[in-house]
Amino acid sequence: MQQELLKFIKSICRDKGRTIDSNTLLFKDKVLDSMNILDLIGYIEKHLGRKLTDDEVIMPNFESVRKIVETFLKSDD
């Protein structure tokens, strides 16, 4: 799931040539902005099959790809 999410973020990133890994700070390093966070939230909601709650949509949960996967997309295997 982490690789799929990285691929998606690279597709919506403002700087298409930028190197991004699972620990890149998405907002602090200006990979994403306030407009494409909506695309990211939509992607996560589609994957989860539900809307995120207001309590879930906080900046610390979207700090990096690793944090997003740990918070929302971690499998239960």
PDB file of N, CA and C in Angstrom:
ATOM      1  N   MET A   1       0.822  -1.197   0.000  1.00  0.00           N
ATOM      2  CA  MET A   1       0.000   0.000   0.000  1.00  0.00           C
ATOM      3  C   MET A   1       0.864   1.259   0.000  1.00  0.00           C
ATOM      4  N   GLN A   2       1.987   1.206   0.672  1.00  0.00           N
ATOM      5  CA  GLN A   2       2.859   2.368   0.762  1.00  0.00           C
ATOM      6  C   GLN A   2       3.343   2.799  -0.628  1.00  0.00           C
ATOM      7  N   GLN A   3       3.701   1.839  -1.475  1.00  0.00           N
ATOM      8  CA  GLN A   3       4.184   2.171  -2.818  1.00  0.00           C
ATOM      9  C   GLN A   3       3.069   2.774  -3.674  1.00  0.00           C
ATOM     10  N   GLU A   4       1.857   2.262  -3.535  1.00  0.00           N
ATOM     11  CA  GLU A   4       0.710   2.828  -4.267  1.00  0.00           C
ATOM     12  C   GLU A   4       0.463   4.272  -3.840  1.00  0.00           C
ATOM     13  N   LEU A   5       0.546   4.529  -2.550  1.00  0.00           N
ATOM     14  CA  LEU A   5       0.333   5.872  -2.030  1.00  0.00           C
ATOM     15  C   LEU A   5       1.437   6.822  -2.500  1.00  0.00           C
ATOM     16  N   LEU A   6       2.678   6.360  -2.496  1.00  0.00           N
ATOM     17  CA  LEU A   6       3.786   7.175  -2.996  1.00  0.00           C
ATOM     18  C   LEU A   6       3.564   7.540  -4.468  1.00  0.00           C
ATOM     19  N   LYS A   7       3.142   6.576  -5.244  1.00  0.00           N
ATOM     20  CA  LYS A   7       2.873   6.810  -6.665  1.00  0.00           C
ATOM     21  C   LYS A   7       1.773   7.863  -6.834  1.00  0.00           C
ATOM     22  N   PHE A   8       0.713   7.756  -6.045  1.00  0.00           N
ATOM     23  CA  PHE A   8      -0.373   8.726  -6.125  1.00  0.00           C
ATOM     24  C   PHE A   8       0.116  10.123  -5.745  1.00  0.00           C
ATOM     25  N   ILE A   9       0.858  10.228  -4.658  1.00  0.00           N
ATOM     26  CA  ILE A   9       1.346  11.538  -4.211  1.00  0.00           C
ATOM     27  C   ILE A   9       2.264  12.150  -5.261  1.00  0.00           C
ATOM     28  N   LYS A  10       3.114  11.341  -5.868  1.00  0.00           N
ATOM     29  CA  LYS A  10       3.980  11.853  -6.932  1.00  0.00           C
ATOM     30  C   LYS A  10       3.150  12.387  -8.096  1.00  0.00           C
ATOM     31  N   SER A  11       2.000  11.775  -8.347  1.00  0.00           N
ATOM     32  CA  SER A  11       1.154  12.217  -9.461  1.00  0.00           C
ATOM     33  C   SER A  11       0.469  13.554  -9.182  1.00  0.00           C
ATOM     34  N   ILE A  12       0.262  13.896  -7.910  1.00  0.00           N
ATOM     35  CA  ILE A  12      -0.388  15.168  -7.583  1.00  0.00           C
ATOM     36  C   ILE A  12       0.589  16.216  -7.062  1.00  0.00           C
ATOM     37  N   CYS A  13       1.843  15.826  -6.912  1.00  0.00           N
ATOM     38  CA  CYS A  13       2.885  16.728  -6.407  1.00  0.00           C
ATOM     39  C   CYS A  13       3.077  17.911  -7.350  1.00  0.00           C
ATOM     40  N   ARG A  14       3.306  19.084  -6.769  1.00  0.00           N
ATOM     41  CA  ARG A  14       3.532  20.291  -7.568  1.00  0.00           C
ATOM     42  C   ARG A  14       4.816  20.188  -8.375  1.00  0.00           C
ATOM     43  N   ASP A  15       5.868  19.607  -7.818  1.00  0.00           N
ATOM     44  CA  ASP A  15       7.162  19.476  -8.476  1.00  0.00           C
ATOM     45  C   ASP A  15       7.315  18.030  -8.947  1.00  0.00           C
ATOM     46  N   LYS A  16       6.984  17.777 -10.211  1.00  0.00           N
ATOM     47  CA  LYS A  16       6.951  16.399 -10.731  1.00  0.00           C
ATOM     48  C   LYS A  16       8.307  15.697 -10.689  1.00  0.00           C
ATOM     49  N   GLY A  17       9.403  16.422 -10.687  1.00  0.00           N
ATOM     50  CA  GLY A  17      10.722  15.804 -10.672  1.00  0.00           C
ATOM     51  C   GLY A  17      11.271  15.547  -9.286  1.00  0.00           C
ATOM     52  N   ARG A  18      10.528  15.896  -8.294  1.00  0.00           N
ATOM     53  CA  ARG A  18      10.984  15.795  -6.907  1.00  0.00           C
ATOM     54  C   ARG A  18      11.080  14.337  -6.446  1.00  0.00           C
ATOM     55  N   THR A  19      12.110  14.040  -5.676  1.00  0.00           N
ATOM     56  CA  THR A  19      12.268  12.717  -5.078  1.00  0.00           C
ATOM     57  C   THR A  19      11.486  12.689  -3.767  1.00  0.00           C
ATOM     58  N   ILE A  20      10.630  11.684  -3.647  1.00  0.00           N
ATOM     59  CA  ILE A  20       9.788  11.546  -2.461  1.00  0.00           C
ATOM     60  C   ILE A  20       9.916  10.117  -1.962  1.00  0.00           C
ATOM     61  N   ASP A  21      10.088   9.957  -0.662  1.00  0.00           N
ATOM     62  CA  ASP A  21      10.078   8.615  -0.084  1.00  0.00           C
ATOM     63  C   ASP A  21       9.078   8.586   1.068  1.00  0.00           C
ATOM     64  N   SER A  22       9.015   7.487   1.758  1.00  0.00           N
ATOM     65  CA  SER A  22       7.986   7.322   2.795  1.00  0.00           C
ATOM     66  C   SER A  22       8.173   8.246   3.991  1.00  0.00           C
ATOM     67  N   ASN A  23       9.373   8.808   4.148  1.00  0.00           N
ATOM     68  CA  ASN A  23       9.637   9.692   5.286  1.00  0.00           C
ATOM     69  C   ASN A  23       9.653  11.170   4.913  1.00  0.00           C
ATOM     70  N   THR A  24       9.463  11.498   3.645  1.00  0.00           N
ATOM     71  CA  THR A  24       9.442  12.891   3.224  1.00  0.00           C
ATOM     72  C   THR A  24       8.297  13.609   3.931  1.00  0.00           C
ATOM     73  N   LEU A  25       8.580  14.777   4.467  1.00  0.00           N
ATOM     74  CA  LEU A  25       7.550  15.576   5.140  1.00  0.00           C
ATOM     75  C   LEU A  25       6.744  16.305   4.072  1.00  0.00           C
ATOM     76  N   LEU A  26       5.519  15.861   3.876  1.00  0.00           N
ATOM     77  CA  LEU A  26       4.726  16.277   2.726  1.00  0.00           C
ATOM     78  C   LEU A  26       4.379  17.758   2.705  1.00  0.00           C
ATOM     79  N   PHE A  27       4.111  18.352   3.836  1.00  0.00           N
ATOM     80  CA  PHE A  27       3.740  19.771   3.865  1.00  0.00           C
ATOM     81  C   PHE A  27       4.917  20.649   4.265  1.00  0.00           C
ATOM     82  N   LYS A  28       5.680  20.210   5.244  1.00  0.00           N
ATOM     83  CA  LYS A  28       6.837  20.989   5.675  1.00  0.00           C
ATOM     84  C   LYS A  28       7.828  21.166   4.523  1.00  0.00           C
ATOM     85  N   ASP A  29       7.997  20.117   3.704  1.00  0.00           N
ATOM     86  CA  ASP A  29       8.905  20.170   2.556  1.00  0.00           C
ATOM     87  C   ASP A  29       8.208  20.656   1.283  1.00  0.00           C
ATOM     88  N   LYS A  30       6.966  21.094   1.434  1.00  0.00           N
ATOM     89  CA  LYS A  30       6.180  21.679   0.332  1.00  0.00           C
ATOM     90  C   LYS A  30       5.982  20.737  -0.865  1.00  0.00           C
ATOM     91  N   VAL A  31       5.812  19.457  -0.551  1.00  0.00           N
ATOM     92  CA  VAL A  31       5.468  18.482  -1.582  1.00  0.00           C
ATOM     93  C   VAL A  31       4.003  18.662  -1.951  1.00  0.00           C
ATOM     94  N   LEU A  32       3.157  18.829  -0.934  1.00  0.00           N
ATOM     95  CA  LEU A  32       1.721  19.039  -1.123  1.00  0.00           C
ATOM     96  C   LEU A  32       1.330  20.392  -0.545  1.00  0.00           C
ATOM     97  N   ASP A  33       0.194  20.889  -1.010  1.00  0.00           N
ATOM     98  CA  ASP A  33      -0.325  22.149  -0.488  1.00  0.00           C
ATOM     99  C   ASP A  33      -1.792  21.984  -0.115  1.00  0.00           C
ATOM    100  N   SER A  34      -2.421  23.068   0.238  1.00  0.00           N
ATOM    101  CA  SER A  34      -3.800  22.995   0.729  1.00  0.00           C
ATOM    102  C   SER A  34      -4.788  22.530  -0.345  1.00  0.00           C
ATOM    103  N   MET A  35      -4.430  22.667  -1.600  1.00  0.00           N
ATOM    104  CA  MET A  35      -5.336  22.221  -2.664  1.00  0.00           C
ATOM    105  C   MET A  35      -5.240  20.710  -2.886  1.00  0.00           C
ATOM    106  N   ASN A  36      -4.015  20.179  -2.980  1.00  0.00           N
ATOM    107  CA  ASN A  36      -3.939  18.753  -3.274  1.00  0.00           C
ATOM    108  C   ASN A  36      -4.105  17.865  -2.049  1.00  0.00           C
ATOM    109  N   ILE A  37      -4.212  18.442  -0.860  1.00  0.00           N
ATOM    110  CA  ILE A  37      -4.575  17.623   0.302  1.00  0.00           C
ATOM    111  C   ILE A  37      -5.986  17.060   0.119  1.00  0.00           C
ATOM    112  N   LEU A  38      -6.833  17.811  -0.565  1.00  0.00           N
ATOM    113  CA  LEU A  38      -8.193  17.321  -0.819  1.00  0.00           C
ATOM    114  C   LEU A  38      -8.172  16.082  -1.710  1.00  0.00           C
ATOM    115  N   ASP A  39      -7.278  16.083  -2.704  1.00  0.00           N
ATOM    116  CA  ASP A  39      -7.129  14.897  -3.554  1.00  0.00           C
ATOM    117  C   ASP A  39      -6.629  13.711  -2.734  1.00  0.00           C
ATOM    118  N   LEU A  40      -5.680  13.974  -1.850  1.00  0.00           N
ATOM    119  CA  LEU A  40      -5.137  12.916  -1.004  1.00  0.00           C
ATOM    120  C   LEU A  40      -6.204  12.357  -0.063  1.00  0.00           C
ATOM    121  N   ILE A  41      -6.984  13.219   0.546  1.00  0.00           N
ATOM    122  CA  ILE A  41      -8.066  12.763   1.427  1.00  0.00           C
ATOM    123  C   ILE A  41      -9.059  11.919   0.634  1.00  0.00           C
ATOM    124  N   GLY A  42      -9.405  12.365  -0.570  1.00  0.00           N
ATOM    125  CA  GLY A  42     -10.315  11.594  -1.422  1.00  0.00           C
ATOM    126  C   GLY A  42      -9.748  10.221  -1.756  1.00  0.00           C
ATOM    127  N   TYR A  43      -8.457  10.156  -2.035  1.00  0.00           N
ATOM    128  CA  TYR A  43      -7.794   8.885  -2.336  1.00  0.00           C
ATOM    129  C   TYR A  43      -7.888   7.940  -1.138  1.00  0.00           C
ATOM    130  N   ILE A  44      -7.603   8.467   0.046  1.00  0.00           N
ATOM    131  CA  ILE A  44      -7.653   7.638   1.252  1.00  0.00           C
ATOM    132  C   ILE A  44      -9.083   7.176   1.525  1.00  0.00           C
ATOM    133  N   GLU A  45     -10.044   8.083   1.388  1.00  0.00           N
ATOM    134  CA  GLU A  45     -11.446   7.713   1.624  1.00  0.00           C
ATOM    135  C   GLU A  45     -11.901   6.640   0.642  1.00  0.00           C
ATOM    136  N   LYS A  46     -11.494   6.757  -0.604  1.00  0.00           N
ATOM    137  CA  LYS A  46     -11.863   5.741  -1.598  1.00  0.00           C
ATOM    138  C   LYS A  46     -11.270   4.387  -1.213  1.00  0.00           C
ATOM    139  N   HIS A  47     -10.018   4.385  -0.796  1.00  0.00           N
ATOM    140  CA  HIS A  47      -9.366   3.140  -0.401  1.00  0.00           C
ATOM    141  C   HIS A  47     -10.049   2.522   0.826  1.00  0.00           C
ATOM    142  N   LEU A  48     -10.428   3.368   1.789  1.00  0.00           N
ATOM    143  CA  LEU A  48     -11.065   2.881   3.007  1.00  0.00           C
ATOM    144  C   LEU A  48     -12.529   2.518   2.807  1.00  0.00           C
ATOM    145  N   GLY A  49     -13.147   3.127   1.802  1.00  0.00           N
ATOM    146  CA  GLY A  49     -14.577   2.904   1.576  1.00  0.00           C
ATOM    147  C   GLY A  49     -15.447   3.667   2.552  1.00  0.00           C
ATOM    148  N   ARG A  50     -14.916   4.755   3.081  1.00  0.00           N
ATOM    149  CA  ARG A  50     -15.668   5.586   4.022  1.00  0.00           C
ATOM    150  C   ARG A  50     -15.078   6.992   4.047  1.00  0.00           C
ATOM    151  N   LYS A  51     -15.845   7.927   4.583  1.00  0.00           N
ATOM    152  CA  LYS A  51     -15.372   9.298   4.762  1.00  0.00           C
ATOM    153  C   LYS A  51     -14.503   9.369   6.020  1.00  0.00           C
ATOM    154  N   LEU A  52     -13.482  10.203   5.974  1.00  0.00           N
ATOM    155  CA  LEU A  52     -12.691  10.457   7.177  1.00  0.00           C
ATOM    156  C   LEU A  52     -13.474  11.398   8.082  1.00  0.00           C
ATOM    157  N   THR A  53     -13.330  11.217   9.375  1.00  0.00           N
ATOM    158  CA  THR A  53     -14.008  12.096  10.327  1.00  0.00           C
ATOM    159  C   THR A  53     -13.197  13.382  10.483  1.00  0.00           C
ATOM    160  N   ASP A  54     -13.836  14.416  11.014  1.00  0.00           N
ATOM    161  CA  ASP A  54     -13.131  15.670  11.284  1.00  0.00           C
ATOM    162  C   ASP A  54     -11.951  15.444  12.225  1.00  0.00           C
ATOM    163  N   ASP A  55     -12.111  14.531  13.175  1.00  0.00           N
ATOM    164  CA  ASP A  55     -11.029  14.236  14.119  1.00  0.00           C
ATOM    165  C   ASP A  55      -9.836  13.569  13.443  1.00  0.00           C
ATOM    166  N   GLU A  56     -10.066  12.887  12.330  1.00  0.00           N
ATOM    167  CA  GLU A  56      -8.984  12.224  11.602  1.00  0.00           C
ATOM    168  C   GLU A  56      -8.237  13.177  10.674  1.00  0.00           C
ATOM    169  N   VAL A  57      -8.912  14.218  10.211  1.00  0.00           N
ATOM    170  CA  VAL A  57      -8.323  15.142   9.239  1.00  0.00           C
ATOM    171  C   VAL A  57      -7.563  16.235   9.992  1.00  0.00           C
ATOM    172  N   ILE A  58      -6.408  15.819  10.524  1.00  0.00           N
ATOM    173  CA  ILE A  58      -5.516  16.750  11.216  1.00  0.00           C
ATOM    174  C   ILE A  58      -4.116  16.590  10.610  1.00  0.00           C
ATOM    175  N   MET A  59      -3.365  17.664  10.585  1.00  0.00           N
ATOM    176  CA  MET A  59      -2.061  17.671   9.916  1.00  0.00           C
ATOM    177  C   MET A  59      -1.113  16.568  10.382  1.00  0.00           C
ATOM    178  N   PRO A  60      -1.015  16.266  11.673  1.00  0.00           N
ATOM    179  CA  PRO A  60      -0.078  15.207  12.072  1.00  0.00           C
ATOM    180  C   PRO A  60      -0.348  13.856  11.384  1.00  0.00           C
ATOM    181  N   ASN A  61      -1.608  13.569  11.044  1.00  0.00           N
ATOM    182  CA  ASN A  61      -1.942  12.310  10.376  1.00  0.00           C
ATOM    183  C   ASN A  61      -1.475  12.267   8.930  1.00  0.00           C
ATOM    184  N   PHE A  62      -1.115  13.418   8.370  1.00  0.00           N
ATOM    185  CA  PHE A  62      -0.715  13.511   6.962  1.00  0.00           C
ATOM    186  C   PHE A  62       0.732  13.989   6.817  1.00  0.00           C
ATOM    187  N   GLU A  63       1.500  13.849   7.866  1.00  0.00           N
ATOM    188  CA  GLU A  63       2.876  14.344   7.897  1.00  0.00           C
ATOM    189  C   GLU A  63       3.759  13.711   6.818  1.00  0.00           C
ATOM    190  N   SER A  64       3.624  12.409   6.622  1.00  0.00           N
ATOM    191  CA  SER A  64       4.442  11.671   5.651  1.00  0.00           C
ATOM    192  C   SER A  64       3.646  10.469   5.152  1.00  0.00           C
ATOM    193  N   VAL A  65       4.150   9.842   4.107  1.00  0.00           N
ATOM    194  CA  VAL A  65       3.499   8.626   3.604  1.00  0.00           C
ATOM    195  C   VAL A  65       3.495   7.559   4.684  1.00  0.00           C
ATOM    196  N   ARG A  66       4.588   7.427   5.390  1.00  0.00           N
ATOM    197  CA  ARG A  66       4.665   6.430   6.475  1.00  0.00           C
ATOM    198  C   ARG A  66       3.563   6.678   7.512  1.00  0.00           C
ATOM    199  N   LYS A  67       3.372   7.931   7.910  1.00  0.00           N
ATOM    200  CA  LYS A  67       2.355   8.268   8.912  1.00  0.00           C
ATOM    201  C   LYS A  67       0.949   8.003   8.383  1.00  0.00           C
ATOM    202  N   ILE A  68       0.701   8.320   7.120  1.00  0.00           N
ATOM    203  CA  ILE A  68      -0.617   8.064   6.525  1.00  0.00           C
ATOM    204  C   ILE A  68      -0.916   6.574   6.538  1.00  0.00           C
ATOM    205  N   VAL A  69       0.054   5.771   6.129  1.00  0.00           N
ATOM    206  CA  VAL A  69      -0.142   4.314   6.103  1.00  0.00           C
ATOM    207  C   VAL A  69      -0.378   3.788   7.515  1.00  0.00           C
ATOM    208  N   GLU A  70       0.423   4.232   8.477  1.00  0.00           N
ATOM    209  CA  GLU A  70       0.251   3.781   9.862  1.00  0.00           C
ATOM    210  C   GLU A  70      -1.107   4.183  10.428  1.00  0.00           C
ATOM    211  N   THR A  71      -1.570   5.375  10.075  1.00  0.00           N
ATOM    212  CA  THR A  71      -2.813   5.902  10.639  1.00  0.00           C
ATOM    213  C   THR A  71      -4.057   5.333   9.971  1.00  0.00           C
ATOM    214  N   PHE A  72      -4.034   5.248   8.645  1.00  0.00           N
ATOM    215  CA  PHE A  72      -5.266   4.921   7.918  1.00  0.00           C
ATOM    216  C   PHE A  72      -5.234   3.612   7.134  1.00  0.00           C
ATOM    217  N   LEU A  73      -4.093   3.217   6.633  1.00  0.00           N
ATOM    218  CA  LEU A  73      -4.069   2.170   5.618  1.00  0.00           C
ATOM    219  C   LEU A  73      -3.346   0.895   6.037  1.00  0.00           C
ATOM    220  N   LYS A  74      -2.987   0.820   7.296  1.00  0.00           N
ATOM    221  CA  LYS A  74      -2.286  -0.368   7.787  1.00  0.00           C
ATOM    222  C   LYS A  74      -3.220  -1.569   7.716  1.00  0.00           C
ATOM    223  N   SER A  75      -2.724  -2.650   7.118  1.00  0.00           N
ATOM    224  CA  SER A  75      -3.566  -3.844   7.018  1.00  0.00           C
ATOM    225  C   SER A  75      -3.605  -4.549   8.362  1.00  0.00           C
ATOM    226  N   ASP A  76      -4.605  -5.349   8.560  1.00  0.00           N
ATOM    227  CA  ASP A  76      -4.782  -6.070   9.820  1.00  0.00           C
ATOM    228  C   ASP A  76      -4.191  -7.475   9.786  1.00  0.00           C
ATOM    229  N   ASP A  77      -3.322  -7.769   8.795  1.00  0.00           N
ATOM    230  CA  ASP A  77      -2.784  -9.132   8.699  1.00  0.00           C
ATOM    231  C   ASP A  77      -1.950  -9.467   9.903  1.00  0.00           C
TER     232      ASP A  77
END
